[in-house]
PDB file of N, CA and C in Angstrom:
ATOM      1  N   MET A   1     -27.894 -42.228  17.256  1.00  0.00           N
ATOM      2  CA  MET A   1     -27.994 -41.689  18.564  1.00  0.00           C
ATOM      3  C   MET A   1     -28.047 -42.767  19.602  1.00  0.00           C
ATOM      4  N   THR A   2     -27.329 -42.585  20.659  1.00  0.00           N
ATOM      5  CA  THR A   2     -27.331 -43.597  21.761  1.00  0.00           C
ATOM      6  C   THR A   2     -28.147 -43.031  22.939  1.00  0.00           C
ATOM      7  N   MET A   3     -28.972 -43.872  23.522  1.00  0.00           N
ATOM      8  CA  MET A   3     -29.727 -43.441  24.673  1.00  0.00           C
ATOM      9  C   MET A   3     -29.050 -44.070  25.918  1.00  0.00           C
ATOM     10  N   VAL A   4     -28.995 -43.230  27.043  1.00  0.00           N
ATOM     11  CA  VAL A   4     -28.547 -43.682  28.297  1.00  0.00           C
ATOM     12  C   VAL A   4     -29.650 -43.412  29.296  1.00  0.00           C
ATOM     13  N   LYS A   5     -29.649 -44.158  30.425  1.00  0.00           N
ATOM     14  CA  LYS A   5     -30.620 -44.035  31.501  1.00  0.00           C
ATOM     15  C   LYS A   5     -30.021 -43.194  32.645  1.00  0.00           C
ATOM     16  N   ILE A   6     -30.818 -42.240  33.157  1.00  0.00           N
ATOM     17  CA  ILE A   6     -30.396 -41.494  34.348  1.00  0.00           C
ATOM     18  C   ILE A   6     -30.616 -42.392  35.540  1.00  0.00           C
ATOM     19  N   ARG A   7     -29.507 -42.587  36.382  1.00  0.00           N
ATOM     20  CA  ARG A   7     -29.657 -43.451  37.540  1.00  0.00           C
ATOM     21  C   ARG A   7     -29.838 -42.546  38.759  1.00  0.00           C
ATOM     22  N   LYS A   8     -29.788 -43.303  39.927  1.00  0.00           N
ATOM     23  CA  LYS A   8     -29.862 -42.575  41.217  1.00  0.00           C
ATOM     24  C   LYS A   8     -28.756 -41.484  41.250  1.00  0.00           C
ATOM     25  N   HIS A   9     -29.118 -40.402  41.836  1.00  0.00           N
ATOM     26  CA  HIS A   9     -28.205 -39.256  41.968  1.00  0.00           C
ATOM     27  C   HIS A   9     -27.954 -38.637  40.571  1.00  0.00           C
ATOM     28  N   TYR A  10     -28.682 -38.818  39.636  1.00  0.00           N
ATOM     29  CA  TYR A  10     -28.660 -38.284  38.259  1.00  0.00           C
ATOM     30  C   TYR A  10     -27.396 -38.686  37.558  1.00  0.00           C
ATOM     31  N   GLN A  11     -26.889 -39.889  37.839  1.00  0.00           N
ATOM     32  CA  GLN A  11     -25.691 -40.427  37.225  1.00  0.00           C
ATOM     33  C   GLN A  11     -26.040 -41.017  35.835  1.00  0.00           C
ATOM     34  N   ILE A  12     -25.109 -40.917  34.880  1.00  0.00           N
ATOM     35  CA  ILE A  12     -25.251 -41.510  33.604  1.00  0.00           C
ATOM     36  C   ILE A  12     -23.987 -42.292  33.327  1.00  0.00           C
ATOM     37  N   THR A  13     -24.069 -43.286  32.415  1.00  0.00           N
ATOM     38  CA  THR A  13     -22.858 -43.959  31.961  1.00  0.00           C
ATOM     39  C   THR A  13     -22.632 -43.703  30.472  1.00  0.00           C
ATOM     40  N   VAL A  14     -21.446 -43.174  30.192  1.00  0.00           N
ATOM     41  CA  VAL A  14     -21.135 -42.990  28.771  1.00  0.00           C
ATOM     42  C   VAL A  14     -20.758 -44.281  28.182  1.00  0.00           C
ATOM     43  N   PRO A  15     -21.491 -44.687  27.054  1.00  0.00           N
ATOM     44  CA  PRO A  15     -21.117 -45.921  26.418  1.00  0.00           C
ATOM     45  C   PRO A  15     -19.695 -46.111  26.066  1.00  0.00           C
ATOM     46  N   LYS A  16     -19.120 -47.250  26.254  1.00  0.00           N
ATOM     47  CA  LYS A  16     -17.659 -47.545  26.068  1.00  0.00           C
ATOM     48  C   LYS A  16     -17.210 -47.025  24.699  1.00  0.00           C
ATOM     49  N   LYS A  17     -18.023 -47.425  23.642  1.00  0.00           N
ATOM     50  CA  LYS A  17     -17.572 -47.105  22.261  1.00  0.00           C
ATOM     51  C   LYS A  17     -17.496 -45.597  22.090  1.00  0.00           C
ATOM     52  N   ILE A  18     -18.445 -44.827  22.643  1.00  0.00           N
ATOM     53  CA  ILE A  18     -18.442 -43.409  22.506  1.00  0.00           C
ATOM     54  C   ILE A  18     -17.293 -42.776  23.364  1.00  0.00           C
ATOM     55  N   GLY A  19     -17.110 -43.350  24.567  1.00  0.00           N
ATOM     56  CA  GLY A  19     -16.071 -42.782  25.422  1.00  0.00           C
ATOM     57  C   GLY A  19     -14.673 -42.944  24.811  1.00  0.00           C
ATOM     58  N   GLN A  20     -14.480 -44.152  24.191  1.00  0.00           N
ATOM     59  CA  GLN A  20     -13.180 -44.404  23.526  1.00  0.00           C
ATOM     60  C   GLN A  20     -13.016 -43.562  22.335  1.00  0.00           C
ATOM     61  N   ALA A  21     -14.093 -43.403  21.514  1.00  0.00           N
ATOM     62  CA  ALA A  21     -13.975 -42.620  20.368  1.00  0.00           C
ATOM     63  C   ALA A  21     -13.693 -41.078  20.686  1.00  0.00           C
ATOM     64  N   ALA A  22     -14.149 -40.634  21.926  1.00  0.00           N
ATOM     65  CA  ALA A  22     -13.932 -39.311  22.318  1.00  0.00           C
ATOM     66  C   ALA A  22     -12.543 -39.169  23.066  1.00  0.00           C
ATOM     67  N   GLY A  23     -11.894 -40.213  23.203  1.00  0.00           N
ATOM     68  CA  GLY A  23     -10.604 -40.201  23.882  1.00  0.00           C
ATOM     69  C   GLY A  23     -10.745 -40.183  25.450  1.00  0.00           C
ATOM     70  N   LEU A  24     -11.829 -40.511  25.952  1.00  0.00           N
ATOM     71  CA  LEU A  24     -12.047 -40.446  27.488  1.00  0.00           C
ATOM     72  C   LEU A  24     -11.422 -41.572  28.114  1.00  0.00           C
ATOM     73  N   GLU A  25     -10.965 -41.371  29.379  1.00  0.00           N
ATOM     74  CA  GLU A  25     -10.408 -42.434  30.208  1.00  0.00           C
ATOM     75  C   GLU A  25     -11.142 -42.396  31.504  1.00  0.00           C
ATOM     76  N   VAL A  26     -11.030 -43.486  32.266  1.00  0.00           N
ATOM     77  CA  VAL A  26     -11.652 -43.506  33.614  1.00  0.00           C
ATOM     78  C   VAL A  26     -11.023 -42.347  34.460  1.00  0.00           C
ATOM     79  N   GLY A  27     -11.788 -41.685  35.124  1.00  0.00           N
ATOM     80  CA  GLY A  27     -11.303 -40.623  35.963  1.00  0.00           C
ATOM     81  C   GLY A  27     -11.303 -39.242  35.295  1.00  0.00           C
ATOM     82  N   ASP A  28     -11.545 -39.150  33.947  1.00  0.00           N
ATOM     83  CA  ASP A  28     -11.645 -37.856  33.184  1.00  0.00           C
ATOM     84  C   ASP A  28     -12.824 -37.085  33.770  1.00  0.00           C
ATOM     85  N   TYR A  29     -12.804 -35.803  33.454  1.00  0.00           N
ATOM     86  CA  TYR A  29     -13.899 -34.996  33.779  1.00  0.00           C
ATOM     87  C   TYR A  29     -14.698 -34.516  32.521  1.00  0.00           C
ATOM     88  N   LEU A  30     -15.980 -34.352  32.653  1.00  0.00           N
ATOM     89  CA  LEU A  30     -16.783 -33.738  31.587  1.00  0.00           C
ATOM     90  C   LEU A  30     -17.439 -32.505  32.049  1.00  0.00           C
ATOM     91  N   GLU A  31     -17.390 -31.476  31.250  1.00  0.00           N
ATOM     92  CA  GLU A  31     -18.162 -30.261  31.541  1.00  0.00           C
ATOM     93  C   GLU A  31     -19.560 -30.452  31.097  1.00  0.00           C
ATOM     94  N   VAL A  32     -20.585 -30.156  31.926  1.00  0.00           N
ATOM     95  CA  VAL A  32     -21.910 -30.313  31.670  1.00  0.00           C
ATOM     96  C   VAL A  32     -22.568 -28.966  31.590  1.00  0.00           C
ATOM     97  N   GLU A  33     -23.161 -28.593  30.425  1.00  0.00           N
ATOM     98  CA  GLU A  33     -23.779 -27.344  30.319  1.00  0.00           C
ATOM     99  C   GLU A  33     -25.271 -27.522  29.819  1.00  0.00           C
ATOM    100  N   LEU A  34     -26.119 -26.686  30.358  1.00  0.00           N
ATOM    101  CA  LEU A  34     -27.548 -26.739  29.927  1.00  0.00           C
ATOM    102  C   LEU A  34     -27.747 -25.615  28.967  1.00  0.00           C
ATOM    103  N   HIS A  35     -28.197 -26.019  27.812  1.00  0.00           N
ATOM    104  CA  HIS A  35     -28.497 -25.054  26.727  1.00  0.00           C
ATOM    105  C   HIS A  35     -29.994 -25.191  26.397  1.00  0.00           C
ATOM    106  N   GLU A  36     -30.541 -24.171  25.841  1.00  0.00           N
ATOM    107  CA  GLU A  36     -31.921 -24.231  25.484  1.00  0.00           C
ATOM    108  C   GLU A  36     -32.107 -25.455  24.535  1.00  0.00           C
ATOM    109  N   GLY A  37     -32.946 -26.439  25.100  1.00  0.00           N
ATOM    110  CA  GLY A  37     -33.284 -27.648  24.376  1.00  0.00           C
ATOM    111  C   GLY A  37     -32.339 -28.779  24.509  1.00  0.00           C
ATOM    112  N   GLY A  38     -31.287 -28.669  25.340  1.00  0.00           N
ATOM    113  CA  GLY A  38     -30.393 -29.798  25.535  1.00  0.00           C
ATOM    114  C   GLY A  38     -29.378 -29.640  26.540  1.00  0.00           C
ATOM    115  N   ILE A  39     -28.681 -30.771  26.756  1.00  0.00           N
ATOM    116  CA  ILE A  39     -27.600 -30.844  27.699  1.00  0.00           C
ATOM    117  C   ILE A  39     -26.381 -31.265  26.869  1.00  0.00           C
ATOM    118  N   PHE A  40     -25.269 -30.580  27.062  1.00  0.00           N
ATOM    119  CA  PHE A  40     -24.106 -30.849  26.332  1.00  0.00           C
ATOM    120  C   PHE A  40     -22.929 -31.254  27.236  1.00  0.00           C
ATOM    121  N   LEU A  41     -22.291 -32.285  26.834  1.00  0.00           N
ATOM    122  CA  LEU A  41     -21.120 -32.821  27.706  1.00  0.00           C
ATOM    123  C   LEU A  41     -19.829 -32.517  26.901  1.00  0.00           C
ATOM    124  N   LYS A  42     -18.860 -32.016  27.552  1.00  0.00           N
ATOM    125  CA  LYS A  42     -17.645 -31.647  26.798  1.00  0.00           C
ATOM    126  C   LYS A  42     -16.462 -32.207  27.690  1.00  0.00           C
ATOM    127  N   PRO A  43     -15.560 -33.007  27.115  1.00  0.00           N
ATOM    128  CA  PRO A  43     -14.363 -33.477  27.823  1.00  0.00           C
ATOM    129  C   PRO A  43     -13.563 -32.263  28.329  1.00  0.00           C
ATOM    130  N   MET A  44     -13.074 -32.346  29.573  1.00  0.00           N
ATOM    131  CA  MET A  44     -12.291 -31.255  30.199  1.00  0.00           C
ATOM    132  C   MET A  44     -11.032 -31.897  30.814  1.00  0.00           C
ATOM    133  N   LYS A  45      -9.914 -31.166  30.795  1.00  0.00           N
ATOM    134  CA  LYS A  45      -8.766 -31.477  31.457  1.00  0.00           C
ATOM    135  C   LYS A  45      -8.998 -31.175  32.975  1.00  0.00           C
ATOM    136  N   ALA A  46      -8.642 -32.031  33.893  1.00  0.00           N
ATOM    137  CA  ALA A  46      -8.796 -31.799  35.294  1.00  0.00           C
ATOM    138  C   ALA A  46      -7.643 -30.794  35.735  1.00  0.00           C
ATOM    139  N   VAL A  47      -8.024 -29.603  36.096  1.00  0.00           N
ATOM    140  CA  VAL A  47      -7.116 -28.703  36.536  1.00  0.00           C
ATOM    141  C   VAL A  47      -7.543 -28.263  37.994  1.00  0.00           C
ATOM    142  N   PHE A  48      -6.691 -28.547  38.940  1.00  0.00           N
ATOM    143  CA  PHE A  48      -7.079 -28.136  40.306  1.00  0.00           C
ATOM    144  C   PHE A  48      -6.174 -26.975  40.727  1.00  0.00           C
ATOM    145  N   ILE A  49      -6.823 -25.775  40.891  1.00  0.00           N
ATOM    146  CA  ILE A  49      -6.097 -24.616  41.174  1.00  0.00           C
ATOM    147  C   ILE A  49      -6.735 -23.930  42.404  1.00  0.00           C
ATOM    148  N   GLU A  50      -5.809 -23.373  43.237  1.00  0.00           N
ATOM    149  CA  GLU A  50      -6.251 -22.591  44.431  1.00  0.00           C
ATOM    150  C   GLU A  50      -6.545 -21.142  43.907  1.00  0.00           C
ATOM    151  N   LYS A  51      -7.491 -20.501  44.607  1.00  0.00           N
ATOM    152  CA  LYS A  51      -7.794 -19.198  44.268  1.00  0.00           C
ATOM    153  C   LYS A  51      -6.634 -18.171  44.319  1.00  0.00           C
ATOM    154  N   SER A  52      -5.738 -18.347  45.174  1.00  0.00           N
ATOM    155  CA  SER A  52      -4.650 -17.375  45.254  1.00  0.00           C
ATOM    156  C   SER A  52      -3.558 -17.568  44.241  1.00  0.00           C
ATOM    157  N   GLN A  53      -3.631 -18.636  43.459  1.00  0.00           N
ATOM    158  CA  GLN A  53      -2.533 -18.991  42.556  1.00  0.00           C
ATOM    159  C   GLN A  53      -2.618 -18.191  41.190  1.00  0.00           C
ATOM    160  N   LEU A  54      -3.749 -17.675  40.841  1.00  0.00           N
ATOM    161  CA  LEU A  54      -3.852 -17.096  39.435  1.00  0.00           C
ATOM    162  C   LEU A  54      -4.262 -15.619  39.414  1.00  0.00           C
ATOM    163  N   THR A  55      -3.767 -14.963  38.463  1.00  0.00           N
ATOM    164  CA  THR A  55      -4.241 -13.523  38.177  1.00  0.00           C
ATOM    165  C   THR A  55      -5.472 -13.630  37.383  1.00  0.00           C
ATOM    166  N   GLU A  56      -6.113 -12.415  37.165  1.00  0.00           N
ATOM    167  CA  GLU A  56      -7.304 -12.428  36.311  1.00  0.00           C
ATOM    168  C   GLU A  56      -6.957 -12.860  34.803  1.00  0.00           C
ATOM    169  N   ALA A  57      -5.843 -12.385  34.343  1.00  0.00           N
ATOM    170  CA  ALA A  57      -5.384 -12.630  32.997  1.00  0.00           C
ATOM    171  C   ALA A  57      -5.093 -14.222  32.864  1.00  0.00           C
ATOM    172  N   GLU A  58      -4.543 -14.765  33.837  1.00  0.00           N
ATOM    173  CA  GLU A  58      -4.261 -16.208  33.835  1.00  0.00           C
ATOM    174  C   GLU A  58      -5.519 -17.064  33.788  1.00  0.00           C
ATOM    175  N   VAL A  59      -6.493 -16.604  34.600  1.00  0.00           N
ATOM    176  CA  VAL A  59      -7.848 -17.317  34.667  1.00  0.00           C
ATOM    177  C   VAL A  59      -8.471 -17.219  33.308  1.00  0.00           C
ATOM    178  N   LEU A  60      -8.527 -16.016  32.662  1.00  0.00           N
ATOM    179  CA  LEU A  60      -9.159 -15.855  31.392  1.00  0.00           C
ATOM    180  C   LEU A  60      -8.400 -16.675  30.354  1.00  0.00           C
ATOM    181  N   LYS A  61      -7.154 -16.775  30.392  1.00  0.00           N
ATOM    182  CA  LYS A  61      -6.312 -17.566  29.497  1.00  0.00           C
ATOM    183  C   LYS A  61      -6.722 -19.053  29.598  1.00  0.00           C
ATOM    184  N   ARG A  62      -6.866 -19.641  30.825  1.00  0.00           N
ATOM    185  CA  ARG A  62      -7.254 -20.901  30.989  1.00  0.00           C
ATOM    186  C   ARG A  62      -8.650 -21.259  30.500  1.00  0.00           C
ATOM    187  N   VAL A  63      -9.545 -20.346  30.777  1.00  0.00           N
ATOM    188  CA  VAL A  63     -10.983 -20.460  30.289  1.00  0.00           C
ATOM    189  C   VAL A  63     -10.914 -20.515  28.757  1.00  0.00           C
ATOM    190  N   GLU A  64     -10.196 -19.633  28.104  1.00  0.00           N
ATOM    191  CA  GLU A  64     -10.201 -19.562  26.632  1.00  0.00           C
ATOM    192  C   GLU A  64      -9.617 -20.832  26.097  1.00  0.00           C
ATOM    193  N   LYS A  65      -8.584 -21.450  26.746  1.00  0.00           N
ATOM    194  CA  LYS A  65      -8.020 -22.654  26.220  1.00  0.00           C
ATOM    195  C   LYS A  65      -8.834 -23.878  26.530  1.00  0.00           C
ATOM    196  N   GLY A  66      -9.907 -23.712  27.341  1.00  0.00           N
ATOM    197  CA  GLY A  66     -10.756 -24.809  27.707  1.00  0.00           C
ATOM    198  C   GLY A  66     -10.219 -25.712  28.851  1.00  0.00           C
ATOM    199  N   GLU A  67      -9.264 -25.143  29.560  1.00  0.00           N
ATOM    200  CA  GLU A  67      -8.696 -25.833  30.676  1.00  0.00           C
ATOM    201  C   GLU A  67      -9.551 -25.839  31.942  1.00  0.00           C
ATOM    202  N   ILE A  68     -10.360 -24.747  32.089  1.00  0.00           N
ATOM    203  CA  ILE A  68     -11.272 -24.687  33.153  1.00  0.00           C
ATOM    204  C   ILE A  68     -12.590 -24.011  32.605  1.00  0.00           C
ATOM    205  N   THR A  69     -13.692 -24.270  33.237  1.00  0.00           N
ATOM    206  CA  THR A  69     -14.955 -23.730  32.803  1.00  0.00           C
ATOM    207  C   THR A  69     -15.096 -22.229  33.196  1.00  0.00           C
ATOM    208  N   SER A  70     -15.988 -21.546  32.543  1.00  0.00           N
ATOM    209  CA  SER A  70     -16.265 -20.139  32.957  1.00  0.00           C
ATOM    210  C   SER A  70     -16.801 -20.057  34.388  1.00  0.00           C
ATOM    211  N   SER A  71     -17.639 -20.982  34.713  1.00  0.00           N
ATOM    212  CA  SER A  71     -18.075 -20.932  36.182  1.00  0.00           C
ATOM    213  C   SER A  71     -16.969 -21.140  37.152  1.00  0.00           C
ATOM    214  N   ARG A  72     -15.972 -21.962  36.863  1.00  0.00           N
ATOM    215  CA  ARG A  72     -14.764 -22.152  37.673  1.00  0.00           C
ATOM    216  C   ARG A  72     -13.954 -20.888  37.671  1.00  0.00           C
ATOM    217  N   GLY A  73     -13.855 -20.302  36.591  1.00  0.00           N
ATOM    218  CA  GLY A  73     -13.074 -19.040  36.457  1.00  0.00           C
ATOM    219  C   GLY A  73     -13.733 -17.898  37.371  1.00  0.00           C
ATOM    220  N   ALA A  74     -15.087 -17.891  37.379  1.00  0.00           N
ATOM    221  CA  ALA A  74     -15.745 -16.922  38.213  1.00  0.00           C
ATOM    222  C   ALA A  74     -15.424 -17.255  39.681  1.00  0.00           C
ATOM    223  N   GLU A  75     -15.422 -18.534  40.056  1.00  0.00           N
ATOM    224  CA  GLU A  75     -15.214 -18.968  41.365  1.00  0.00           C
ATOM    225  C   GLU A  75     -13.745 -18.556  41.853  1.00  0.00           C
ATOM    226  N   LEU A  76     -12.842 -18.878  40.908  1.00  0.00           N
ATOM    227  CA  LEU A  76     -11.421 -18.559  41.256  1.00  0.00           C
ATOM    228  C   LEU A  76     -11.202 -17.098  41.519  1.00  0.00           C
ATOM    229  N   LEU A  77     -11.956 -16.228  40.909  1.00  0.00           N
ATOM    230  CA  LEU A  77     -11.789 -14.802  40.965  1.00  0.00           C
ATOM    231  C   LEU A  77     -12.781 -14.189  42.046  1.00  0.00           C
ATOM    232  N   SER A  78     -13.576 -15.055  42.661  1.00  0.00           N
ATOM    233  CA  SER A  78     -14.545 -14.676  43.639  1.00  0.00           C
ATOM    234  C   SER A  78     -15.504 -13.621  43.091  1.00  0.00           C
ATOM    235  N   MET A  79     -16.006 -13.982  41.870  1.00  0.00           N
ATOM    236  CA  MET A  79     -16.869 -13.106  41.139  1.00  0.00           C
ATOM    237  C   MET A  79     -18.240 -13.818  40.890  1.00  0.00           C
ATOM    238  N   SER A  80     -19.311 -13.065  40.682  1.00  0.00           N
ATOM    239  CA  SER A  80     -20.522 -13.654  40.244  1.00  0.00           C
ATOM    240  C   SER A  80     -20.288 -14.160  38.741  1.00  0.00           C
ATOM    241  N   TYR A  81     -21.065 -15.192  38.446  1.00  0.00           N
ATOM    242  CA  TYR A  81     -20.919 -15.718  37.057  1.00  0.00           C
ATOM    243  C   TYR A  81     -21.225 -14.580  36.021  1.00  0.00           C
ATOM    244  N   GLN A  82     -22.256 -13.777  36.265  1.00  0.00           N
ATOM    245  CA  GLN A  82     -22.574 -12.717  35.315  1.00  0.00           C
ATOM    246  C   GLN A  82     -21.472 -11.782  35.209  1.00  0.00           C
ATOM    247  N   ASP A  83     -20.752 -11.370  36.324  1.00  0.00           N
ATOM    248  CA  ASP A  83     -19.650 -10.451  36.288  1.00  0.00           C
ATOM    249  C   ASP A  83     -18.501 -11.055  35.527  1.00  0.00           C
ATOM    250  N   PHE A  84     -18.271 -12.374  35.712  1.00  0.00           N
ATOM    251  CA  PHE A  84     -17.179 -12.997  34.935  1.00  0.00           C
ATOM    252  C   PHE A  84     -17.490 -13.062  33.470  1.00  0.00           C
ATOM    253  N   ILE A  85     -18.657 -13.334  33.130  1.00  0.00           N
ATOM    254  CA  ILE A  85     -19.045 -13.324  31.643  1.00  0.00           C
ATOM    255  C   ILE A  85     -18.782 -11.956  31.021  1.00  0.00           C
ATOM    256  N   GLU A  86     -19.100 -10.938  31.813  1.00  0.00           N
ATOM    257  CA  GLU A  86     -18.834  -9.522  31.313  1.00  0.00           C
ATOM    258  C   GLU A  86     -17.375  -9.287  31.184  1.00  0.00           C
ATOM    259  N   LEU A  87     -16.575  -9.814  32.181  1.00  0.00           N
ATOM    260  CA  LEU A  87     -15.100  -9.668  32.109  1.00  0.00           C
ATOM    261  C   LEU A  87     -14.592 -10.379  30.901  1.00  0.00           C
ATOM    262  N   MET A  88     -15.113 -11.575  30.573  1.00  0.00           N
ATOM    263  CA  MET A  88     -14.669 -12.344  29.398  1.00  0.00           C
ATOM    264  C   MET A  88     -14.963 -11.517  28.141  1.00  0.00           C
ATOM    265  N   ASP A  89     -16.158 -10.863  28.130  1.00  0.00           N
ATOM    266  CA  ASP A  89     -16.522 -10.039  26.929  1.00  0.00           C
ATOM    267  C   ASP A  89     -15.528  -8.941  26.741  1.00  0.00           C
ATOM    268  N   LYS A  90     -15.261  -8.201  27.887  1.00  0.00           N
ATOM    269  CA  LYS A  90     -14.393  -7.104  27.779  1.00  0.00           C
ATOM    270  C   LYS A  90     -12.948  -7.527  27.292  1.00  0.00           C
ATOM    271  N   ALA A  91     -12.524  -8.751  27.704  1.00  0.00           N
ATOM    272  CA  ALA A  91     -11.154  -9.207  27.452  1.00  0.00           C
ATOM    273  C   ALA A  91     -11.184  -9.915  26.043  1.00  0.00           C
ATOM    274  N   GLY A  92     -12.337 -10.049  25.344  1.00  0.00           N
ATOM    275  CA  GLY A  92     -12.426 -10.673  24.050  1.00  0.00           C
ATOM    276  C   GLY A  92     -12.288 -12.136  24.074  1.00  0.00           C
ATOM    277  N   VAL A  93     -12.603 -12.752  25.242  1.00  0.00           N
ATOM    278  CA  VAL A  93     -12.646 -14.306  25.404  1.00  0.00           C
ATOM    279  C   VAL A  93     -14.036 -14.719  25.033  1.00  0.00           C
ATOM    280  N   PRO A  94     -14.133 -15.604  24.030  1.00  0.00           N
ATOM    281  CA  PRO A  94     -15.448 -16.053  23.658  1.00  0.00           C
ATOM    282  C   PRO A  94     -16.213 -16.842  24.762  1.00  0.00           C
ATOM    283  N   VAL A  95     -17.459 -16.634  24.913  1.00  0.00           N
ATOM    284  CA  VAL A  95     -18.198 -17.331  25.936  1.00  0.00           C
ATOM    285  C   VAL A  95     -18.426 -18.776  25.459  1.00  0.00           C
ATOM    286  N   TRP A  96     -18.735 -19.022  24.234  1.00  0.00           N
ATOM    287  CA  TRP A  96     -18.878 -20.316  23.608  1.00  0.00           C
ATOM    288  C   TRP A  96     -17.708 -20.555  22.822  1.00  0.00           C
ATOM    289  N   ASN A  97     -16.911 -21.607  23.091  1.00  0.00           N
ATOM    290  CA  ASN A  97     -15.727 -21.890  22.462  1.00  0.00           C
ATOM    291  C   ASN A  97     -15.806 -23.297  21.657  1.00  0.00           C
ATOM    292  N   TYR A  98     -16.825 -23.334  20.822  1.00  0.00           N
ATOM    293  CA  TYR A  98     -17.108 -24.630  20.149  1.00  0.00           C
ATOM    294  C   TYR A  98     -16.165 -24.754  18.807  1.00  0.00           C
ATOM    295  N   THR A  99     -15.823 -25.898  18.522  1.00  0.00           N
ATOM    296  CA  THR A  99     -15.236 -26.172  17.285  1.00  0.00           C
ATOM    297  C   THR A  99     -16.306 -26.010  16.208  1.00  0.00           C
ATOM    298  N   SER A 100     -16.053 -25.899  14.998  1.00  0.00           N
ATOM    299  CA  SER A 100     -16.987 -25.788  13.937  1.00  0.00           C
ATOM    300  C   SER A 100     -17.894 -26.960  13.917  1.00  0.00           C
ATOM    301  N   GLU A 101     -17.336 -28.154  14.178  1.00  0.00           N
ATOM    302  CA  GLU A 101     -18.219 -29.301  14.211  1.00  0.00           C
ATOM    303  C   GLU A 101     -19.154 -29.376  15.393  1.00  0.00           C
ATOM    304  N   GLU A 102     -18.698 -28.924  16.512  1.00  0.00           N
ATOM    305  CA  GLU A 102     -19.608 -28.828  17.731  1.00  0.00           C
ATOM    306  C   GLU A 102     -20.688 -27.872  17.468  1.00  0.00           C
ATOM    307  N   ALA A 103     -20.403 -26.617  16.864  1.00  0.00           N
ATOM    308  CA  ALA A 103     -21.380 -25.693  16.556  1.00  0.00           C
ATOM    309  C   ALA A 103     -22.326 -26.222  15.613  1.00  0.00           C
ATOM    310  N   LYS A 104     -21.934 -26.878  14.582  1.00  0.00           N
ATOM    311  CA  LYS A 104     -22.833 -27.503  13.532  1.00  0.00           C
ATOM    312  C   LYS A 104     -23.792 -28.478  14.258  1.00  0.00           C
ATOM    313  N   LEU A 105     -23.269 -29.388  15.094  1.00  0.00           N
ATOM    314  CA  LEU A 105     -24.149 -30.342  15.742  1.00  0.00           C
ATOM    315  C   LEU A 105     -25.137 -29.607  16.674  1.00  0.00           C
ATOM    316  N   ALA A 106     -24.738 -28.508  17.369  1.00  0.00           N
ATOM    317  CA  ALA A 106     -25.615 -27.796  18.205  1.00  0.00           C
ATOM    318  C   ALA A 106     -26.693 -27.144  17.416  1.00  0.00           C
ATOM    319  N   ASP A 107     -26.356 -26.574  16.189  1.00  0.00           N
ATOM    320  CA  ASP A 107     -27.335 -26.025  15.293  1.00  0.00           C
ATOM    321  C   ASP A 107     -28.360 -26.990  14.844  1.00  0.00           C
ATOM    322  N   GLN A 108     -27.895 -28.185  14.466  1.00  0.00           N
ATOM    323  CA  GLN A 108     -28.710 -29.211  13.938  1.00  0.00           C
ATOM    324  C   GLN A 108     -29.731 -29.713  15.048  1.00  0.00           C
ATOM    325  N   HIS A 109     -29.218 -29.841  16.267  1.00  0.00           N
ATOM    326  CA  HIS A 109     -30.110 -30.201  17.359  1.00  0.00           C
ATOM    327  C   HIS A 109     -31.121 -29.175  17.609  1.00  0.00           C
ATOM    328  N   ALA A 110     -30.775 -27.924  17.612  1.00  0.00           N
ATOM    329  CA  ALA A 110     -31.725 -26.813  17.875  1.00  0.00           C
ATOM    330  C   ALA A 110     -32.761 -26.821  16.798  1.00  0.00           C
ATOM    331  N   GLU A 111     -32.440 -27.012  15.541  1.00  0.00           N
ATOM    332  CA  GLU A 111     -33.351 -27.080  14.402  1.00  0.00           C
ATOM    333  C   GLU A 111     -34.359 -28.140  14.559  1.00  0.00           C
ATOM    334  N   ARG A 112     -33.922 -29.347  15.005  1.00  0.00           N
ATOM    335  CA  ARG A 112     -34.755 -30.455  15.250  1.00  0.00           C
ATOM    336  C   ARG A 112     -35.776 -30.127  16.399  1.00  0.00           C
ATOM    337  N   LEU A 113     -35.281 -29.548  17.417  1.00  0.00           N
ATOM    338  CA  LEU A 113     -36.214 -29.203  18.536  1.00  0.00           C
ATOM    339  C   LEU A 113     -37.267 -28.246  18.177  1.00  0.00           C
ATOM    340  N   PHE A 114     -36.757 -27.149  17.448  1.00  0.00           N
ATOM    341  CA  PHE A 114     -37.646 -26.140  17.096  1.00  0.00           C
ATOM    342  C   PHE A 114     -38.744 -26.633  16.019  1.00  0.00           C
ATOM    343  N   SER A 115     -38.314 -27.513  15.178  1.00  0.00           N
ATOM    344  CA  SER A 115     -39.297 -28.100  14.216  1.00  0.00           C
ATOM    345  C   SER A 115     -40.259 -29.012  14.880  1.00  0.00           C
ATOM    346  N   GLN A 116     -39.943 -29.707  15.951  1.00  0.00           N
ATOM    347  CA  GLN A 116     -40.865 -30.532  16.738  1.00  0.00           C
ATOM    348  C   GLN A 116     -41.902 -29.731  17.529  1.00  0.00           C
ATOM    349  N   ASN A 117     -41.475 -28.462  17.846  1.00  0.00           N
ATOM    350  CA  ASN A 117     -42.360 -27.638  18.638  1.00  0.00           C
ATOM    351  C   ASN A 117     -43.233 -26.766  17.831  1.00  0.00           C
ATOM    352  N   SER A 118     -43.046 -26.847  16.489  1.00  0.00           N
ATOM    353  CA  SER A 118     -43.842 -25.998  15.499  1.00  0.00           C
ATOM    354  C   SER A 118     -45.178 -26.611  15.271  1.00  0.00           C
TER     355      SER A 118
END
């Protein structure tokens, strides 16, 4: 496990070896999500879209593909985040779109945290 320091304005630096292994390049974006017991960073494609350019179905498709975050999807459709999550549910779009490896790591992390708090 690699430790990084939070700097002014809550900035962190991804160690070069980890960034390269993840296929990151300077200028790439990371999605930051707060989950119970941790913060998760996920590489994202930079997709700049105007609100008027996409239909509801197109936004849901981009969220499902991981091209935009669910919070960006809600913003593009001028919806509350909760309403967008409900829309995703009705459309059958998974809220958490982890690979099996990402899900396994999240489970392991949660187990460690819960065992420390017991």
